[in-house]
PDB file of all heavy atoms in Angstrom:
ATOM      1  N   ASP A   1      -1.789   8.551   3.517  1.00  0.00           N
ATOM      2  CA  ASP A   1      -0.947   9.273   2.565  1.00  0.00           C
ATOM      3  C   ASP A   1       0.513   8.835   2.653  1.00  0.00           C
ATOM      4  O   ASP A   1       1.201   8.727   1.624  1.00  0.00           O
ATOM      5  CB  ASP A   1      -1.054  10.784   2.792  1.00  0.00           C
ATOM      6  CG  ASP A   1      -2.418  11.328   2.416  1.00  0.00           C
ATOM      7  OD1 ASP A   1      -3.079  10.718   1.551  1.00  0.00           O
ATOM      8  OD2 ASP A   1      -2.846  12.354   2.994  1.00  0.00           O
ATOM      9  N   GLU A   2       0.984   8.586   3.864  1.00  0.00           N
ATOM     10  CA  GLU A   2       2.357   8.106   4.039  1.00  0.00           C
ATOM     11  C   GLU A   2       2.545   6.747   3.376  1.00  0.00           C
ATOM     12  O   GLU A   2       3.579   6.469   2.747  1.00  0.00           O
ATOM     13  CB  GLU A   2       2.688   8.000   5.529  1.00  0.00           C
ATOM     14  CG  GLU A   2       2.798   9.333   6.251  1.00  0.00           C
ATOM     15  CD  GLU A   2       2.926   9.154   7.756  1.00  0.00           C
ATOM     16  OE1 GLU A   2       2.437   8.134   8.289  1.00  0.00           O
ATOM     17  OE2 GLU A   2       3.511  10.041   8.411  1.00  0.00           O
ATOM     18  N   LEU A   3       1.537   5.897   3.501  1.00  0.00           N
ATOM     19  CA  LEU A   3       1.621   4.564   2.917  1.00  0.00           C
ATOM     20  C   LEU A   3       1.639   4.628   1.397  1.00  0.00           C
ATOM     21  O   LEU A   3       2.407   3.909   0.746  1.00  0.00           O
ATOM     22  CB  LEU A   3       0.449   3.710   3.410  1.00  0.00           C
ATOM     23  CG  LEU A   3       0.421   2.250   2.944  1.00  0.00           C
ATOM     24  CD1 LEU A   3       1.706   1.530   3.311  1.00  0.00           C
ATOM     25  CD2 LEU A   3      -0.794   1.532   3.529  1.00  0.00           C
ATOM     26  N   ILE A   4       0.816   5.481   0.830  1.00  0.00           N
ATOM     27  CA  ILE A   4       0.798   5.634  -0.628  1.00  0.00           C
ATOM     28  C   ILE A   4       2.176   6.044  -1.132  1.00  0.00           C
ATOM     29  O   ILE A   4       2.696   5.495  -2.117  1.00  0.00           O
ATOM     30  CB  ILE A   4      -0.278   6.658  -1.047  1.00  0.00           C
ATOM     31  CG1 ILE A   4      -1.679   6.075  -0.804  1.00  0.00           C
ATOM     32  CG2 ILE A   4      -0.107   7.050  -2.516  1.00  0.00           C
ATOM     33  CD1 ILE A   4      -2.795   7.067  -1.005  1.00  0.00           C
ATOM     34  N   GLU A   5       2.786   6.988  -0.453  1.00  0.00           N
ATOM     35  CA  GLU A   5       4.111   7.447  -0.861  1.00  0.00           C
ATOM     36  C   GLU A   5       5.153   6.332  -0.711  1.00  0.00           C
ATOM     37  O   GLU A   5       5.993   6.125  -1.596  1.00  0.00           O
ATOM     38  CB  GLU A   5       4.523   8.655  -0.024  1.00  0.00           C
ATOM     39  CG  GLU A   5       5.872   9.240  -0.414  1.00  0.00           C
ATOM     40  CD  GLU A   5       6.235  10.466   0.399  1.00  0.00           C
ATOM     41  OE1 GLU A   5       5.389  10.941   1.188  1.00  0.00           O
ATOM     42  OE2 GLU A   5       7.377  10.961   0.241  1.00  0.00           O
ATOM     43  N   ALA A   6       5.080   5.603   0.396  1.00  0.00           N
ATOM     44  CA  ALA A   6       6.075   4.563   0.658  1.00  0.00           C
ATOM     45  C   ALA A   6       5.959   3.390  -0.305  1.00  0.00           C
ATOM     46  O   ALA A   6       6.935   2.659  -0.521  1.00  0.00           O
ATOM     47  CB  ALA A   6       5.933   4.070   2.090  1.00  0.00           C
ATOM     48  N   LEU A   7       4.784   3.183  -0.898  1.00  0.00           N
ATOM     49  CA  LEU A   7       4.563   2.043  -1.782  1.00  0.00           C
ATOM     50  C   LEU A   7       5.011   2.284  -3.221  1.00  0.00           C
ATOM     51  O   LEU A   7       4.844   1.405  -4.068  1.00  0.00           O
ATOM     52  CB  LEU A   7       3.077   1.648  -1.771  1.00  0.00           C
ATOM     53  CG  LEU A   7       2.590   0.897  -0.529  1.00  0.00           C
ATOM     54  CD1 LEU A   7       1.082   0.705  -0.572  1.00  0.00           C
ATOM     55  CD2 LEU A   7       3.290  -0.446  -0.406  1.00  0.00           C
ATOM     56  N   ASP A   8       5.588   3.421  -3.485  1.00  0.00           N
ATOM     57  CA  ASP A   8       6.079   3.707  -4.838  1.00  0.00           C
ATOM     58  C   ASP A   8       7.150   2.674  -5.226  1.00  0.00           C
ATOM     59  O   ASP A   8       8.181   2.562  -4.559  1.00  0.00           O
ATOM     60  CB  ASP A   8       6.663   5.117  -4.894  1.00  0.00           C
ATOM     61  CG  ASP A   8       7.079   5.526  -6.302  1.00  0.00           C
ATOM     62  OD1 ASP A   8       6.572   4.913  -7.268  1.00  0.00           O
ATOM     63  OD2 ASP A   8       7.907   6.436  -6.428  1.00  0.00           O
ATOM     64  N   GLY A   9       6.896   1.908  -6.260  1.00  0.00           N
ATOM     65  CA  GLY A   9       7.856   0.920  -6.733  1.00  0.00           C
ATOM     66  C   GLY A   9       7.875  -0.367  -5.927  1.00  0.00           C
ATOM     67  O   GLY A   9       8.760  -1.210  -6.122  1.00  0.00           O
ATOM     68  N   VAL A  10       6.898  -0.567  -5.035  1.00  0.00           N
ATOM     69  CA  VAL A  10       6.853  -1.748  -4.172  1.00  0.00           C
ATOM     70  C   VAL A  10       5.910  -2.797  -4.767  1.00  0.00           C
ATOM     71  O   VAL A  10       4.806  -2.474  -5.220  1.00  0.00           O
ATOM     72  CB  VAL A  10       6.394  -1.369  -2.749  1.00  0.00           C
ATOM     73  CG1 VAL A  10       6.102  -2.609  -1.913  1.00  0.00           C
ATOM     74  CG2 VAL A  10       7.466  -0.518  -2.077  1.00  0.00           C
ATOM     75  N   ASP A  11       6.334  -4.053  -4.758  1.00  0.00           N
ATOM     76  CA  ASP A  11       5.529  -5.160  -5.277  1.00  0.00           C
ATOM     77  C   ASP A  11       4.705  -5.840  -4.188  1.00  0.00           C
ATOM     78  O   ASP A  11       3.586  -6.274  -4.424  1.00  0.00           O
ATOM     79  CB  ASP A  11       6.437  -6.200  -5.929  1.00  0.00           C
ATOM     80  CG  ASP A  11       7.274  -5.624  -7.042  1.00  0.00           C
ATOM     81  OD1 ASP A  11       6.742  -5.453  -8.141  1.00  0.00           O
ATOM     82  OD2 ASP A  11       8.468  -5.336  -6.791  1.00  0.00           O
ATOM     83  N   TYR A  12       5.307  -5.959  -2.976  1.00  0.00           N
ATOM     84  CA  TYR A  12       4.658  -6.687  -1.888  1.00  0.00           C
ATOM     85  C   TYR A  12       4.711  -5.860  -0.610  1.00  0.00           C
ATOM     86  O   TYR A  12       5.736  -5.273  -0.274  1.00  0.00           O
ATOM     87  CB  TYR A  12       5.348  -8.034  -1.671  1.00  0.00           C
ATOM     88  CG  TYR A  12       5.320  -8.907  -2.904  1.00  0.00           C
ATOM     89  CD1 TYR A  12       6.474  -9.125  -3.656  1.00  0.00           C
ATOM     90  CD2 TYR A  12       4.132  -9.481  -3.341  1.00  0.00           C
ATOM     91  CE1 TYR A  12       6.442  -9.898  -4.809  1.00  0.00           C
ATOM     92  CE2 TYR A  12       4.089 -10.254  -4.489  1.00  0.00           C
ATOM     93  CZ  TYR A  12       5.243 -10.457  -5.215  1.00  0.00           C
ATOM     94  OH  TYR A  12       5.199 -11.224  -6.355  1.00  0.00           O
ATOM     95  N   LEU A  13       3.582  -5.854   0.110  1.00  0.00           N
ATOM     96  CA  LEU A  13       3.467  -5.089   1.355  1.00  0.00           C
ATOM     97  C   LEU A  13       3.250  -6.043   2.515  1.00  0.00           C
ATOM     98  O   LEU A  13       2.412  -6.953   2.444  1.00  0.00           O
ATOM     99  CB  LEU A  13       2.283  -4.122   1.269  1.00  0.00           C
ATOM    100  CG  LEU A  13       1.890  -3.395   2.567  1.00  0.00           C
ATOM    101  CD1 LEU A  13       3.004  -2.478   3.040  1.00  0.00           C
ATOM    102  CD2 LEU A  13       0.592  -2.613   2.362  1.00  0.00           C
ATOM    103  N   GLY A  14       3.999  -5.846   3.597  1.00  0.00           N
ATOM    104  CA  GLY A  14       3.803  -6.605   4.824  1.00  0.00           C
ATOM    105  C   GLY A  14       3.430  -5.679   5.961  1.00  0.00           C
ATOM    106  O   GLY A  14       4.094  -4.665   6.189  1.00  0.00           O
ATOM    107  N   ILE A  15       2.351  -6.000   6.676  1.00  0.00           N
ATOM    108  CA  ILE A  15       1.868  -5.163   7.780  1.00  0.00           C
ATOM    109  C   ILE A  15       1.519  -6.056   8.966  1.00  0.00           C
ATOM    110  O   ILE A  15       1.510  -7.278   8.863  1.00  0.00           O
ATOM    111  CB  ILE A  15       0.618  -4.354   7.375  1.00  0.00           C
ATOM    112  CG1 ILE A  15      -0.524  -5.314   7.000  1.00  0.00           C
ATOM    113  CG2 ILE A  15       0.932  -3.409   6.231  1.00  0.00           C
ATOM    114  CD1 ILE A  15      -1.854  -4.648   6.792  1.00  0.00           C
ATOM    115  N   ARG A  16       1.206  -5.409  10.081  1.00  0.00           N
ATOM    116  CA  ARG A  16       0.611  -6.118  11.206  1.00  0.00           C
ATOM    117  C   ARG A  16      -0.785  -5.519  11.431  1.00  0.00           C
ATOM    118  O   ARG A  16      -1.524  -5.363  10.477  1.00  0.00           O
ATOM    119  CB  ARG A  16       1.531  -6.048  12.416  1.00  0.00           C
ATOM    120  CG  ARG A  16       2.841  -6.824  12.168  1.00  0.00           C
ATOM    121  CD  ARG A  16       3.818  -6.748  13.321  1.00  0.00           C
ATOM    122  NE  ARG A  16       3.380  -7.552  14.445  1.00  0.00           N
ATOM    123  CZ  ARG A  16       4.028  -7.603  15.597  1.00  0.00           C
ATOM    124  NH1 ARG A  16       5.125  -6.874  15.775  1.00  0.00           N
ATOM    125  NH2 ARG A  16       3.596  -8.354  16.566  1.00  0.00           N
ATOM    126  N   SER A  17      -1.127  -5.170  12.640  1.00  0.00           N
ATOM    127  CA  SER A  17      -2.529  -4.827  12.913  1.00  0.00           C
ATOM    128  C   SER A  17      -2.858  -3.339  12.856  1.00  0.00           C
ATOM    129  O   SER A  17      -4.027  -2.966  12.809  1.00  0.00           O
ATOM    130  CB  SER A  17      -2.929  -5.368  14.289  1.00  0.00           C
ATOM    131  OG  SER A  17      -2.094  -4.830  15.303  1.00  0.00           O
ATOM    132  N   LYS A  18      -1.839  -2.477  12.835  1.00  0.00           N
ATOM    133  CA  LYS A  18      -2.124  -1.042  12.992  1.00  0.00           C
ATOM    134  C   LYS A  18      -2.117  -0.251  11.688  1.00  0.00           C
ATOM    135  O   LYS A  18      -2.462   0.929  11.686  1.00  0.00           O
ATOM    136  CB  LYS A  18      -1.121  -0.425  13.979  1.00  0.00           C
ATOM    137  CG  LYS A  18      -1.285  -0.920  15.400  1.00  0.00           C
ATOM    138  CD  LYS A  18      -0.323  -0.225  16.339  1.00  0.00           C
ATOM    139  CE  LYS A  18      -0.568  -0.650  17.781  1.00  0.00           C
ATOM    140  NZ  LYS A  18      -0.354  -2.087  17.997  1.00  0.00           N
ATOM    141  N   THR A  19      -1.720  -0.853  10.602  1.00  0.00           N
ATOM    142  CA  THR A  19      -1.697  -0.158   9.314  1.00  0.00           C
ATOM    143  C   THR A  19      -2.965  -0.474   8.539  1.00  0.00           C
ATOM    144  O   THR A  19      -3.258  -1.640   8.273  1.00  0.00           O
ATOM    145  CB  THR A  19      -0.470  -0.580   8.487  1.00  0.00           C
ATOM    146  OG1 THR A  19       0.723  -0.234   9.196  1.00  0.00           O
ATOM    147  CG2 THR A  19      -0.470   0.115   7.139  1.00  0.00           C
ATOM    148  N   ASP A  20      -3.721   0.562   8.170  1.00  0.00           N
ATOM    149  CA  ASP A  20      -4.934   0.377   7.383  1.00  0.00           C
ATOM    150  C   ASP A  20      -4.609   0.483   5.895  1.00  0.00           C
ATOM    151  O   ASP A  20      -4.097   1.507   5.430  1.00  0.00           O
ATOM    152  CB  ASP A  20      -5.984   1.425   7.754  1.00  0.00           C
ATOM    153  CG  ASP A  20      -6.537   1.216   9.155  1.00  0.00           C
ATOM    154  OD1 ASP A  20      -6.660   0.046   9.561  1.00  0.00           O
ATOM    155  OD2 ASP A  20      -6.838   2.214   9.838  1.00  0.00           O
ATOM    156  N   VAL A  21      -4.928  -0.577   5.169  1.00  0.00           N
ATOM    157  CA  VAL A  21      -4.742  -0.575   3.722  1.00  0.00           C
ATOM    158  C   VAL A  21      -6.110  -0.339   3.102  1.00  0.00           C
ATOM    159  O   VAL A  21      -6.919  -1.250   2.936  1.00  0.00           O
ATOM    160  CB  VAL A  21      -4.126  -1.897   3.230  1.00  0.00           C
ATOM    161  CG1 VAL A  21      -3.824  -1.808   1.733  1.00  0.00           C
ATOM    162  CG2 VAL A  21      -2.854  -2.219   3.998  1.00  0.00           C
ATOM    163  N   THR A  22      -6.368   0.910   2.764  1.00  0.00           N
ATOM    164  CA  THR A  22      -7.693   1.341   2.324  1.00  0.00           C
ATOM    165  C   THR A  22      -7.836   1.251   0.811  1.00  0.00           C
ATOM    166  O   THR A  22      -6.877   1.037   0.073  1.00  0.00           O
ATOM    167  CB  THR A  22      -7.947   2.783   2.758  1.00  0.00           C
ATOM    168  OG1 THR A  22      -6.989   3.632   2.074  1.00  0.00           O
ATOM    169  CG2 THR A  22      -7.771   2.957   4.260  1.00  0.00           C
ATOM    170  N   ALA A  23      -9.074   1.473   0.355  1.00  0.00           N
ATOM    171  CA  ALA A  23      -9.339   1.494  -1.090  1.00  0.00           C
ATOM    172  C   ALA A  23      -8.532   2.599  -1.764  1.00  0.00           C
ATOM    173  O   ALA A  23      -8.045   2.425  -2.889  1.00  0.00           O
ATOM    174  CB  ALA A  23     -10.835   1.696  -1.336  1.00  0.00           C
ATOM    175  N   LYS A  24      -8.363   3.718  -1.084  1.00  0.00           N
ATOM    176  CA  LYS A  24      -7.582   4.822  -1.646  1.00  0.00           C
ATOM    177  C   LYS A  24      -6.132   4.404  -1.873  1.00  0.00           C
ATOM    178  O   LYS A  24      -5.534   4.726  -2.904  1.00  0.00           O
ATOM    179  CB  LYS A  24      -7.641   6.033  -0.708  1.00  0.00           C
ATOM    180  CG  LYS A  24      -6.827   7.230  -1.186  1.00  0.00           C
ATOM    181  CD  LYS A  24      -6.917   8.383  -0.183  1.00  0.00           C
ATOM    182  CE  LYS A  24      -6.014   9.545  -0.603  1.00  0.00           C
ATOM    183  NZ  LYS A  24      -6.080  10.660   0.381  1.00  0.00           N
ATOM    184  N   VAL A  25      -5.565   3.680  -0.908  1.00  0.00           N
ATOM    185  CA  VAL A  25      -4.190   3.196  -1.045  1.00  0.00           C
ATOM    186  C   VAL A  25      -4.074   2.241  -2.224  1.00  0.00           C
ATOM    187  O   VAL A  25      -3.170   2.350  -3.064  1.00  0.00           O
ATOM    188  CB  VAL A  25      -3.733   2.499   0.252  1.00  0.00           C
ATOM    189  CG1 VAL A  25      -2.392   1.799   0.042  1.00  0.00           C
ATOM    190  CG2 VAL A  25      -3.629   3.505   1.392  1.00  0.00           C
ATOM    191  N   LEU A  26      -5.002   1.295  -2.324  1.00  0.00           N
ATOM    192  CA  LEU A  26      -4.952   0.292  -3.382  1.00  0.00           C
ATOM    193  C   LEU A  26      -5.169   0.912  -4.764  1.00  0.00           C
ATOM    194  O   LEU A  26      -4.559   0.493  -5.746  1.00  0.00           O
ATOM    195  CB  LEU A  26      -5.993  -0.790  -3.109  1.00  0.00           C
ATOM    196  CG  LEU A  26      -5.781  -1.568  -1.801  1.00  0.00           C
ATOM    197  CD1 LEU A  26      -6.955  -2.493  -1.537  1.00  0.00           C
ATOM    198  CD2 LEU A  26      -4.482  -2.352  -1.844  1.00  0.00           C
ATOM    199  N   GLU A  27      -6.030   1.906  -4.821  1.00  0.00           N
ATOM    200  CA  GLU A  27      -6.264   2.592  -6.089  1.00  0.00           C
ATOM    201  C   GLU A  27      -5.024   3.367  -6.529  1.00  0.00           C
ATOM    202  O   GLU A  27      -4.691   3.423  -7.715  1.00  0.00           O
ATOM    203  CB  GLU A  27      -7.457   3.539  -5.952  1.00  0.00           C
ATOM    204  CG  GLU A  27      -7.796   4.287  -7.243  1.00  0.00           C
ATOM    205  CD  GLU A  27      -8.968   5.232  -7.070  1.00  0.00           C
ATOM    206  OE1 GLU A  27      -9.473   5.373  -5.935  1.00  0.00           O
ATOM    207  OE2 GLU A  27      -9.383   5.824  -8.095  1.00  0.00           O
ATOM    208  N   ALA A  28      -4.322   3.941  -5.555  1.00  0.00           N
ATOM    209  CA  ALA A  28      -3.143   4.746  -5.881  1.00  0.00           C
ATOM    210  C   ALA A  28      -1.944   3.904  -6.286  1.00  0.00           C
ATOM    211  O   ALA A  28      -1.048   4.393  -6.979  1.00  0.00           O
ATOM    212  CB  ALA A  28      -2.779   5.622  -4.674  1.00  0.00           C
ATOM    213  N   ARG A  29      -1.903   2.653  -5.848  1.00  0.00           N
ATOM    214  CA  ARG A  29      -0.762   1.779  -6.145  1.00  0.00           C
ATOM    215  C   ARG A  29      -1.236   0.468  -6.788  1.00  0.00           C
ATOM    216  O   ARG A  29      -1.178  -0.604  -6.213  1.00  0.00           O
ATOM    217  CB  ARG A  29       0.021   1.476  -4.860  1.00  0.00           C
ATOM    218  CG  ARG A  29       0.681   2.703  -4.245  1.00  0.00           C
ATOM    219  CD  ARG A  29       1.633   3.361  -5.226  1.00  0.00           C
ATOM    220  NE  ARG A  29       2.293   4.546  -4.660  1.00  0.00           N
ATOM    221  CZ  ARG A  29       2.907   5.456  -5.397  1.00  0.00           C
ATOM    222  NH1 ARG A  29       2.916   5.321  -6.728  1.00  0.00           N
ATOM    223  NH2 ARG A  29       3.494   6.494  -4.832  1.00  0.00           N
ATOM    224  N   PRO A  30      -1.709   0.543  -8.052  1.00  0.00           N
ATOM    225  CA  PRO A  30      -2.256  -0.644  -8.721  1.00  0.00           C
ATOM    226  C   PRO A  30      -1.213  -1.718  -9.025  1.00  0.00           C
ATOM    227  O   PRO A  30      -1.577  -2.850  -9.329  1.00  0.00           O
ATOM    228  CB  PRO A  30      -2.846  -0.068 -10.021  1.00  0.00           C
ATOM    229  CG  PRO A  30      -2.072   1.193 -10.266  1.00  0.00           C
ATOM    230  CD  PRO A  30      -1.785   1.750  -8.900  1.00  0.00           C
ATOM    231  N   ALA A  31       0.072  -1.381  -8.943  1.00  0.00           N
ATOM    232  CA  ALA A  31       1.122  -2.370  -9.224  1.00  0.00           C
ATOM    233  C   ALA A  31       1.350  -3.324  -8.064  1.00  0.00           C
ATOM    234  O   ALA A  31       2.046  -4.338  -8.214  1.00  0.00           O
ATOM    235  CB  ALA A  31       2.428  -1.657  -9.575  1.00  0.00           C
ATOM    236  N   LEU A  32       0.772  -3.036  -6.910  1.00  0.00           N
ATOM    237  CA  LEU A  32       0.930  -3.912  -5.750  1.00  0.00           C
ATOM    238  C   LEU A  32       0.350  -5.290  -6.067  1.00  0.00           C
ATOM    239  O   LEU A  32      -0.770  -5.413  -6.560  1.00  0.00           O
ATOM    240  CB  LEU A  32       0.204  -3.307  -4.545  1.00  0.00           C
ATOM    241  CG  LEU A  32       0.481  -3.922  -3.170  1.00  0.00           C
ATOM    242  CD1 LEU A  32       1.938  -3.736  -2.777  1.00  0.00           C
ATOM    243  CD2 LEU A  32      -0.450  -3.300  -2.126  1.00  0.00           C
ATOM    244  N   LYS A  33       1.115  -6.350  -5.775  1.00  0.00           N
ATOM    245  CA  LYS A  33       0.714  -7.706  -6.161  1.00  0.00           C
ATOM    246  C   LYS A  33       0.121  -8.513  -5.011  1.00  0.00           C
ATOM    247  O   LYS A  33      -0.759  -9.346  -5.229  1.00  0.00           O
ATOM    248  CB  LYS A  33       1.914  -8.451  -6.728  1.00  0.00           C
ATOM    249  CG  LYS A  33       2.493  -7.820  -7.996  1.00  0.00           C
ATOM    250  CD  LYS A  33       3.766  -8.522  -8.418  1.00  0.00           C
ATOM    251  CE  LYS A  33       4.389  -7.856  -9.641  1.00  0.00           C
ATOM    252  NZ  LYS A  33       5.687  -8.484 -10.004  1.00  0.00           N
ATOM    253  N   ALA A  34       0.632  -8.319  -3.821  1.00  0.00           N
ATOM    254  CA  ALA A  34       0.138  -9.093  -2.678  1.00  0.00           C
ATOM    255  C   ALA A  34       0.402  -8.340  -1.385  1.00  0.00           C
ATOM    256  O   ALA A  34       1.314  -7.514  -1.301  1.00  0.00           O
ATOM    257  CB  ALA A  34       0.793 -10.477  -2.617  1.00  0.00           C
TER     258      ALA A  34
END
């Protein structure tokens, strides 16, 4: 839920090993490009 909120208006996401980018996150932020 924190990630979904933080991705508002974001085009590109950078993570390391501890952040899970789930289907729910991707569905909530369809504008994410990479």
